[in-house]
Amino acid sequence: KLSAENRRDLLEVLEDRHGRRSTIATSQLPIEEWHGVIGDATLADAILDRLVHNAYKISLRGQSMRKRQAKLTDTTASE
């Protein structure tokens, strides 16, 4: 969870950029779970409104690249 200070800082950054600059956010959590991570419902609404409104969302599916690469470099299978 974000601390109260982190929530305020994030909202301030998004406020400054909203409508003026692009912002890229990446997460392993679905957007539906962000309210819980942000913590405060009111600030979460404000943050998500600025971040998600007019956003392009790209959802990736499939196996994790880390798992795929681990299989390629696994030395125990060849011993």
PDB file of N, CA and C in Angstrom:
ATOM      1  N   LYS A   1       0.834  -1.195   0.000  1.00  0.00           N
ATOM      2  CA  LYS A   1       0.000   0.000   0.000  1.00  0.00           C
ATOM      3  C   LYS A   1       0.868   1.243   0.000  1.00  0.00           C
ATOM      4  N   LEU A   2       0.353   2.268  -0.645  1.00  0.00           N
ATOM      5  CA  LEU A   2       1.070   3.543  -0.647  1.00  0.00           C
ATOM      6  C   LEU A   2       0.854   4.256   0.678  1.00  0.00           C
ATOM      7  N   SER A   3       1.861   4.948   1.136  1.00  0.00           N
ATOM      8  CA  SER A   3       1.715   5.768   2.338  1.00  0.00           C
ATOM      9  C   SER A   3       0.950   7.035   1.967  1.00  0.00           C
ATOM     10  N   ALA A   4       0.492   7.759   2.959  1.00  0.00           N
ATOM     11  CA  ALA A   4      -0.239   9.004   2.717  1.00  0.00           C
ATOM     12  C   ALA A   4       0.624   9.982   1.916  1.00  0.00           C
ATOM     13  N   GLU A   5       1.905  10.039   2.238  1.00  0.00           N
ATOM     14  CA  GLU A   5       2.820  10.934   1.525  1.00  0.00           C
ATOM     15  C   GLU A   5       2.983  10.492   0.071  1.00  0.00           C
ATOM     16  N   ASN A   6       3.116   9.181  -0.151  1.00  0.00           N
ATOM     17  CA  ASN A   6       3.238   8.657  -1.523  1.00  0.00           C
ATOM     18  C   ASN A   6       1.995   8.966  -2.342  1.00  0.00           C
ATOM     19  N   ARG A   7       0.813   8.823  -1.745  1.00  0.00           N
ATOM     20  CA  ARG A   7      -0.435   9.128  -2.454  1.00  0.00           C
ATOM     21  C   ARG A   7      -0.488  10.587  -2.872  1.00  0.00           C
ATOM     22  N   ARG A   8      -0.145  11.462  -1.942  1.00  0.00           N
ATOM     23  CA  ARG A   8      -0.163  12.900  -2.255  1.00  0.00           C
ATOM     24  C   ARG A   8       0.851  13.240  -3.336  1.00  0.00           C
ATOM     25  N   ASP A   9       2.049  12.660  -3.245  1.00  0.00           N
ATOM     26  CA  ASP A   9       3.082  12.922  -4.250  1.00  0.00           C
ATOM     27  C   ASP A   9       2.659  12.439  -5.632  1.00  0.00           C
ATOM     28  N   LEU A  10       2.098  11.241  -5.693  1.00  0.00           N
ATOM     29  CA  LEU A  10       1.646  10.699  -6.972  1.00  0.00           C
ATOM     30  C   LEU A  10       0.554  11.568  -7.574  1.00  0.00           C
ATOM     31  N   LEU A  11      -0.403  11.974  -6.763  1.00  0.00           N
ATOM     32  CA  LEU A  11      -1.470  12.840  -7.262  1.00  0.00           C
ATOM     33  C   LEU A  11      -0.909  14.169  -7.743  1.00  0.00           C
ATOM     34  N   GLU A  12       0.046  14.715  -7.036  1.00  0.00           N
ATOM     35  CA  GLU A  12       0.644  15.994  -7.432  1.00  0.00           C
ATOM     36  C   GLU A  12       1.350  15.879  -8.789  1.00  0.00           C
ATOM     37  N   VAL A  13       2.098  14.811  -8.975  1.00  0.00           N
ATOM     38  CA  VAL A  13       2.791  14.602 -10.253  1.00  0.00           C
ATOM     39  C   VAL A  13       1.770  14.459 -11.382  1.00  0.00           C
ATOM     40  N   LEU A  14       0.738  13.651 -11.151  1.00  0.00           N
ATOM     41  CA  LEU A  14      -0.272  13.442 -12.192  1.00  0.00           C
ATOM     42  C   LEU A  14      -1.053  14.722 -12.475  1.00  0.00           C
ATOM     43  N   GLU A  15      -1.326  15.504 -11.445  1.00  0.00           N
ATOM     44  CA  GLU A  15      -2.001  16.801 -11.625  1.00  0.00           C
ATOM     45  C   GLU A  15      -1.177  17.709 -12.528  1.00  0.00           C
ATOM     46  N   ASP A  16       0.131  17.775 -12.265  1.00  0.00           N
ATOM     47  CA  ASP A  16       1.013  18.643 -13.044  1.00  0.00           C
ATOM     48  C   ASP A  16       1.089  18.204 -14.507  1.00  0.00           C
ATOM     49  N   ARG A  17       1.018  16.901 -14.763  1.00  0.00           N
ATOM     50  CA  ARG A  17       1.175  16.373 -16.113  1.00  0.00           C
ATOM     51  C   ARG A  17      -0.145  16.265 -16.866  1.00  0.00           C
ATOM     52  N   HIS A  18      -1.258  16.181 -16.145  1.00  0.00           N
ATOM     53  CA  HIS A  18      -2.570  15.927 -16.756  1.00  0.00           C
ATOM     54  C   HIS A  18      -2.893  16.957 -17.844  1.00  0.00           C
ATOM     55  N   GLY A  19      -3.108  16.457 -19.053  1.00  0.00           N
ATOM     56  CA  GLY A  19      -3.465  17.328 -20.169  1.00  0.00           C
ATOM     57  C   GLY A  19      -2.291  18.040 -20.811  1.00  0.00           C
ATOM     58  N   ARG A  20      -1.085  17.870 -20.257  1.00  0.00           N
ATOM     59  CA  ARG A  20       0.081  18.565 -20.796  1.00  0.00           C
ATOM     60  C   ARG A  20       1.178  17.633 -21.263  1.00  0.00           C
ATOM     61  N   ARG A  21       1.330  16.518 -20.586  1.00  0.00           N
ATOM     62  CA  ARG A  21       2.420  15.594 -20.872  1.00  0.00           C
ATOM     63  C   ARG A  21       1.900  14.161 -20.849  1.00  0.00           C
ATOM     64  N   SER A  22       2.627  13.295 -21.528  1.00  0.00           N
ATOM     65  CA  SER A  22       2.293  11.876 -21.496  1.00  0.00           C
ATOM     66  C   SER A  22       2.885  11.245 -20.242  1.00  0.00           C
ATOM     67  N   THR A  23       2.201  10.239 -19.753  1.00  0.00           N
ATOM     68  CA  THR A  23       2.670   9.497 -18.591  1.00  0.00           C
ATOM     69  C   THR A  23       2.515   8.012 -18.899  1.00  0.00           C
ATOM     70  N   ILE A  24       3.561   7.254 -18.680  1.00  0.00           N
ATOM     71  CA  ILE A  24       3.512   5.808 -18.879  1.00  0.00           C
ATOM     72  C   ILE A  24       3.557   5.148 -17.507  1.00  0.00           C
ATOM     73  N   ALA A  25       2.592   4.280 -17.263  1.00  0.00           N
ATOM     74  CA  ALA A  25       2.552   3.517 -16.018  1.00  0.00           C
ATOM     75  C   ALA A  25       2.500   2.041 -16.366  1.00  0.00           C
ATOM     76  N   THR A  26       3.272   1.251 -15.661  1.00  0.00           N
ATOM     77  CA  THR A  26       3.237  -0.195 -15.859  1.00  0.00           C
ATOM     78  C   THR A  26       2.937  -0.851 -14.527  1.00  0.00           C
ATOM     79  N   SER A  27       2.247  -1.967 -14.591  1.00  0.00           N
ATOM     80  CA  SER A  27       1.891  -2.667 -13.367  1.00  0.00           C
ATOM     81  C   SER A  27       1.603  -4.120 -13.670  1.00  0.00           C
ATOM     82  N   GLN A  28       1.879  -4.964 -12.710  1.00  0.00           N
ATOM     83  CA  GLN A  28       1.489  -6.357 -12.822  1.00  0.00           C
ATOM     84  C   GLN A  28       0.092  -6.571 -12.250  1.00  0.00           C
ATOM     85  N   LEU A  29      -0.437  -5.546 -11.612  1.00  0.00           N
ATOM     86  CA  LEU A  29      -1.780  -5.631 -11.037  1.00  0.00           C
ATOM     87  C   LEU A  29      -2.813  -5.087 -12.011  1.00  0.00           C
ATOM     88  N   PRO A  30      -3.966  -5.732 -12.093  1.00  0.00           N
ATOM     89  CA  PRO A  30      -5.035  -5.174 -12.916  1.00  0.00           C
ATOM     90  C   PRO A  30      -5.521  -3.842 -12.328  1.00  0.00           C
ATOM     91  N   ILE A  31      -6.017  -2.979 -13.171  1.00  0.00           N
ATOM     92  CA  ILE A  31      -6.487  -1.663 -12.727  1.00  0.00           C
ATOM     93  C   ILE A  31      -7.517  -1.782 -11.614  1.00  0.00           C
ATOM     94  N   GLU A  32      -8.322  -2.838 -11.647  1.00  0.00           N
ATOM     95  CA  GLU A  32      -9.363  -3.030 -10.634  1.00  0.00           C
ATOM     96  C   GLU A  32      -8.782  -3.166  -9.221  1.00  0.00           C
ATOM     97  N   GLU A  33      -7.523  -3.530  -9.103  1.00  0.00           N
ATOM     98  CA  GLU A  33      -6.895  -3.713  -7.792  1.00  0.00           C
ATOM     99  C   GLU A  33      -6.120  -2.482  -7.317  1.00  0.00           C
ATOM    100  N   TRP A  34      -6.040  -1.465  -8.146  1.00  0.00           N
ATOM    101  CA  TRP A  34      -5.242  -0.296  -7.793  1.00  0.00           C
ATOM    102  C   TRP A  34      -5.824   0.477  -6.614  1.00  0.00           C
ATOM    103  N   HIS A  35      -7.151   0.515  -6.485  1.00  0.00           N
ATOM    104  CA  HIS A  35      -7.745   1.217  -5.344  1.00  0.00           C
ATOM    105  C   HIS A  35      -7.199   0.669  -4.031  1.00  0.00           C
ATOM    106  N   GLY A  36      -7.121  -0.649  -3.924  1.00  0.00           N
ATOM    107  CA  GLY A  36      -6.611  -1.261  -2.705  1.00  0.00           C
ATOM    108  C   GLY A  36      -5.157  -0.934  -2.442  1.00  0.00           C
ATOM    109  N   VAL A  37      -4.359  -0.860  -3.484  1.00  0.00           N
ATOM    110  CA  VAL A  37      -2.937  -0.554  -3.332  1.00  0.00           C
ATOM    111  C   VAL A  37      -2.733   0.920  -2.987  1.00  0.00           C
ATOM    112  N   ILE A  38      -3.517   1.775  -3.609  1.00  0.00           N
ATOM    113  CA  ILE A  38      -3.383   3.215  -3.333  1.00  0.00           C
ATOM    114  C   ILE A  38      -3.814   3.508  -1.899  1.00  0.00           C
ATOM    115  N   GLY A  39      -4.886   2.868  -1.459  1.00  0.00           N
ATOM    116  CA  GLY A  39      -5.256   2.969  -0.049  1.00  0.00           C
ATOM    117  C   GLY A  39      -6.437   3.873   0.244  1.00  0.00           C
ATOM    118  N   ASP A  40      -6.333   5.125   0.025  1.00  0.00           N
ATOM    119  CA  ASP A  40      -7.386   6.097   0.319  1.00  0.00           C
ATOM    120  C   ASP A  40      -8.337   6.177  -0.872  1.00  0.00           C
ATOM    121  N   ALA A  41      -9.612   5.888  -0.648  1.00  0.00           N
ATOM    122  CA  ALA A  41     -10.582   5.807  -1.747  1.00  0.00           C
ATOM    123  C   ALA A  41     -10.717   7.113  -2.517  1.00  0.00           C
ATOM    124  N   THR A  42     -10.746   8.223  -1.815  1.00  0.00           N
ATOM    125  CA  THR A  42     -10.912   9.518  -2.479  1.00  0.00           C
ATOM    126  C   THR A  42      -9.701   9.850  -3.347  1.00  0.00           C
ATOM    127  N   LEU A  43      -8.508   9.680  -2.792  1.00  0.00           N
ATOM    128  CA  LEU A  43      -7.302   9.960  -3.572  1.00  0.00           C
ATOM    129  C   LEU A  43      -7.124   8.938  -4.686  1.00  0.00           C
ATOM    130  N   ALA A  44      -7.509   7.692  -4.439  1.00  0.00           N
ATOM    131  CA  ALA A  44      -7.427   6.671  -5.489  1.00  0.00           C
ATOM    132  C   ALA A  44      -8.317   7.053  -6.666  1.00  0.00           C
ATOM    133  N   ASP A  45      -9.518   7.539  -6.396  1.00  0.00           N
ATOM    134  CA  ASP A  45     -10.406   7.988  -7.475  1.00  0.00           C
ATOM    135  C   ASP A  45      -9.769   9.120  -8.267  1.00  0.00           C
ATOM    136  N   ALA A  46      -9.177  10.081  -7.563  1.00  0.00           N
ATOM    137  CA  ALA A  46      -8.553  11.227  -8.233  1.00  0.00           C
ATOM    138  C   ALA A  46      -7.341  10.785  -9.059  1.00  0.00           C
ATOM    139  N   ILE A  47      -6.514   9.926  -8.494  1.00  0.00           N
ATOM    140  CA  ILE A  47      -5.321   9.440  -9.195  1.00  0.00           C
ATOM    141  C   ILE A  47      -5.716   8.650 -10.432  1.00  0.00           C
ATOM    142  N   LEU A  48      -6.640   7.711 -10.262  1.00  0.00           N
ATOM    143  CA  LEU A  48      -7.043   6.867 -11.390  1.00  0.00           C
ATOM    144  C   LEU A  48      -7.780   7.662 -12.455  1.00  0.00           C
ATOM    145  N   ASP A  49      -8.532   8.670 -12.044  1.00  0.00           N
ATOM    146  CA  ASP A  49      -9.214   9.510 -13.029  1.00  0.00           C
ATOM    147  C   ASP A  49      -8.205  10.187 -13.945  1.00  0.00           C
ATOM    148  N   ARG A  50      -7.134  10.701 -13.370  1.00  0.00           N
ATOM    149  CA  ARG A  50      -6.117  11.387 -14.173  1.00  0.00           C
ATOM    150  C   ARG A  50      -5.251  10.419 -14.962  1.00  0.00           C
ATOM    151  N   LEU A  51      -5.032   9.239 -14.417  1.00  0.00           N
ATOM    152  CA  LEU A  51      -4.146   8.282 -15.065  1.00  0.00           C
ATOM    153  C   LEU A  51      -4.860   7.456 -16.131  1.00  0.00           C
ATOM    154  N   VAL A  52      -6.073   7.040 -15.883  1.00  0.00           N
ATOM    155  CA  VAL A  52      -6.770   6.119 -16.769  1.00  0.00           C
ATOM    156  C   VAL A  52      -7.616   6.836 -17.823  1.00  0.00           C
ATOM    157  N   HIS A  53      -8.094   8.034 -17.525  1.00  0.00           N
ATOM    158  CA  HIS A  53      -8.910   8.787 -18.476  1.00  0.00           C
ATOM    159  C   HIS A  53      -8.103   9.066 -19.742  1.00  0.00           C
ATOM    160  N   ASN A  54      -8.633   8.749 -20.884  1.00  0.00           N
ATOM    161  CA  ASN A  54      -7.975   8.924 -22.182  1.00  0.00           C
ATOM    162  C   ASN A  54      -6.705   8.099 -22.338  1.00  0.00           C
ATOM    163  N   ALA A  55      -6.574   7.026 -21.561  1.00  0.00           N
ATOM    164  CA  ALA A  55      -5.366   6.201 -21.618  1.00  0.00           C
ATOM    165  C   ALA A  55      -5.504   5.104 -22.665  1.00  0.00           C
ATOM    166  N   TYR A  56      -4.384   4.718 -23.204  1.00  0.00           N
ATOM    167  CA  TYR A  56      -4.305   3.511 -24.020  1.00  0.00           C
ATOM    168  C   TYR A  56      -3.882   2.403 -23.063  1.00  0.00           C
ATOM    169  N   LYS A  57      -4.668   1.350 -23.020  1.00  0.00           N
ATOM    170  CA  LYS A  57      -4.351   0.244 -22.114  1.00  0.00           C
ATOM    171  C   LYS A  57      -3.936  -0.970 -22.932  1.00  0.00           C
ATOM    172  N   ILE A  58      -2.824  -1.548 -22.575  1.00  0.00           N
ATOM    173  CA  ILE A  58      -2.325  -2.745 -23.248  1.00  0.00           C
ATOM    174  C   ILE A  58      -2.215  -3.840 -22.197  1.00  0.00           C
ATOM    175  N   SER A  59      -3.021  -4.857 -22.332  1.00  0.00           N
ATOM    176  CA  SER A  59      -2.976  -5.994 -21.414  1.00  0.00           C
ATOM    177  C   SER A  59      -2.212  -7.128 -22.080  1.00  0.00           C
ATOM    178  N   LEU A  60      -1.167  -7.550 -21.433  1.00  0.00           N
ATOM    179  CA  LEU A  60      -0.360  -8.643 -21.964  1.00  0.00           C
ATOM    180  C   LEU A  60      -0.827  -9.950 -21.354  1.00  0.00           C
ATOM    181  N   ARG A  61      -0.819 -10.973 -22.157  1.00  0.00           N
ATOM    182  CA  ARG A  61      -1.232 -12.292 -21.692  1.00  0.00           C
ATOM    183  C   ARG A  61      -0.130 -13.292 -22.013  1.00  0.00           C
ATOM    184  N   GLY A  62      -0.211 -14.433 -21.376  1.00  0.00           N
ATOM    185  CA  GLY A  62       0.753 -15.487 -21.664  1.00  0.00           C
ATOM    186  C   GLY A  62       1.702 -15.694 -20.518  1.00  0.00           C
ATOM    187  N   GLN A  63       2.602 -16.611 -20.739  1.00  0.00           N
ATOM    188  CA  GLN A  63       3.567 -16.969 -19.716  1.00  0.00           C
ATOM    189  C   GLN A  63       4.581 -15.853 -19.514  1.00  0.00           C
ATOM    190  N   SER A  64       5.014 -15.709 -18.303  1.00  0.00           N
ATOM    191  CA  SER A  64       6.013 -14.707 -17.947  1.00  0.00           C
ATOM    192  C   SER A  64       7.298 -14.944 -18.721  1.00  0.00           C
ATOM    193  N   MET A  65       7.903 -13.881 -19.211  1.00  0.00           N
ATOM    194  CA  MET A  65       9.185 -13.998 -19.908  1.00  0.00           C
ATOM    195  C   MET A  65      10.270 -14.511 -18.956  1.00  0.00           C
ATOM    196  N   ARG A  66      10.168 -14.182 -17.682  1.00  0.00           N
ATOM    197  CA  ARG A  66      11.149 -14.684 -16.712  1.00  0.00           C
ATOM    198  C   ARG A  66      11.097 -16.207 -16.646  1.00  0.00           C
ATOM    199  N   LYS A  67       9.895 -16.759 -16.639  1.00  0.00           N
ATOM    200  CA  LYS A  67       9.764 -18.221 -16.602  1.00  0.00           C
ATOM    201  C   LYS A  67      10.302 -18.838 -17.885  1.00  0.00           C
ATOM    202  N   ARG A  68      10.008 -18.224 -19.005  1.00  0.00           N
ATOM    203  CA  ARG A  68      10.487 -18.757 -20.286  1.00  0.00           C
ATOM    204  C   ARG A  68      12.007 -18.705 -20.357  1.00  0.00           C
ATOM    205  N   GLN A  69      12.608 -17.603 -19.920  1.00  0.00           N
ATOM    206  CA  GLN A  69      14.062 -17.471 -19.962  1.00  0.00           C
ATOM    207  C   GLN A  69      14.722 -18.404 -18.959  1.00  0.00           C
ATOM    208  N   ALA A  70      14.083 -18.635 -17.820  1.00  0.00           N
ATOM    209  CA  ALA A  70      14.643 -19.541 -16.817  1.00  0.00           C
ATOM    210  C   ALA A  70      14.740 -20.950 -17.383  1.00  0.00           C
ATOM    211  N   LYS A  71      13.763 -21.353 -18.164  1.00  0.00           N
ATOM    212  CA  LYS A  71      13.795 -22.679 -18.782  1.00  0.00           C
ATOM    213  C   LYS A  71      14.955 -22.786 -19.774  1.00  0.00           C
ATOM    214  N   LEU A  72      15.253 -21.699 -20.461  1.00  0.00           N
ATOM    215  CA  LEU A  72      16.339 -21.709 -21.440  1.00  0.00           C
ATOM    216  C   LEU A  72      17.708 -21.789 -20.774  1.00  0.00           C
ATOM    217  N   THR A  73      17.821 -21.245 -19.574  1.00  0.00           N
ATOM    218  CA  THR A  73      19.126 -21.198 -18.891  1.00  0.00           C
ATOM    219  C   THR A  73      19.240 -22.230 -17.773  1.00  0.00           C
ATOM    220  N   ASP A  74      18.260 -23.095 -17.625  1.00  0.00           N
ATOM    221  CA  ASP A  74      18.279 -24.115 -16.581  1.00  0.00           C
ATOM    222  C   ASP A  74      19.357 -25.151 -16.891  1.00  0.00           C
ATOM    223  N   THR A  75      20.404 -25.211 -16.054  1.00  0.00           N
ATOM    224  CA  THR A  75      21.522 -26.127 -16.287  1.00  0.00           C
ATOM    225  C   THR A  75      21.294 -27.487 -15.648  1.00  0.00           C
ATOM    226  N   THR A  76      20.353 -27.580 -14.730  1.00  0.00           N
ATOM    227  CA  THR A  76      20.129 -28.867 -14.044  1.00  0.00           C
ATOM    228  C   THR A  76      19.513 -29.899 -14.981  1.00  0.00           C
ATOM    229  N   ALA A  77      18.780 -29.481 -15.976  1.00  0.00           N
ATOM    230  CA  ALA A  77      18.153 -30.411 -16.906  1.00  0.00           C
ATOM    231  C   ALA A  77      19.175 -31.087 -17.805  1.00  0.00           C
ATOM    232  N   SER A  78      20.299 -30.426 -18.065  1.00  0.00           N
ATOM    233  CA  SER A  78      21.292 -30.981 -18.987  1.00  0.00           C
ATOM    234  C   SER A  78      22.359 -31.796 -18.267  1.00  0.00           C
ATOM    235  N   GLU A  79      22.362 -31.798 -16.948  1.00  0.00           N
ATOM    236  CA  GLU A  79      23.393 -32.531 -16.196  1.00  0.00           C
ATOM    237  C   GLU A  79      23.100 -33.988 -16.070  1.00  0.00           C
TER     238      GLU A  79
END
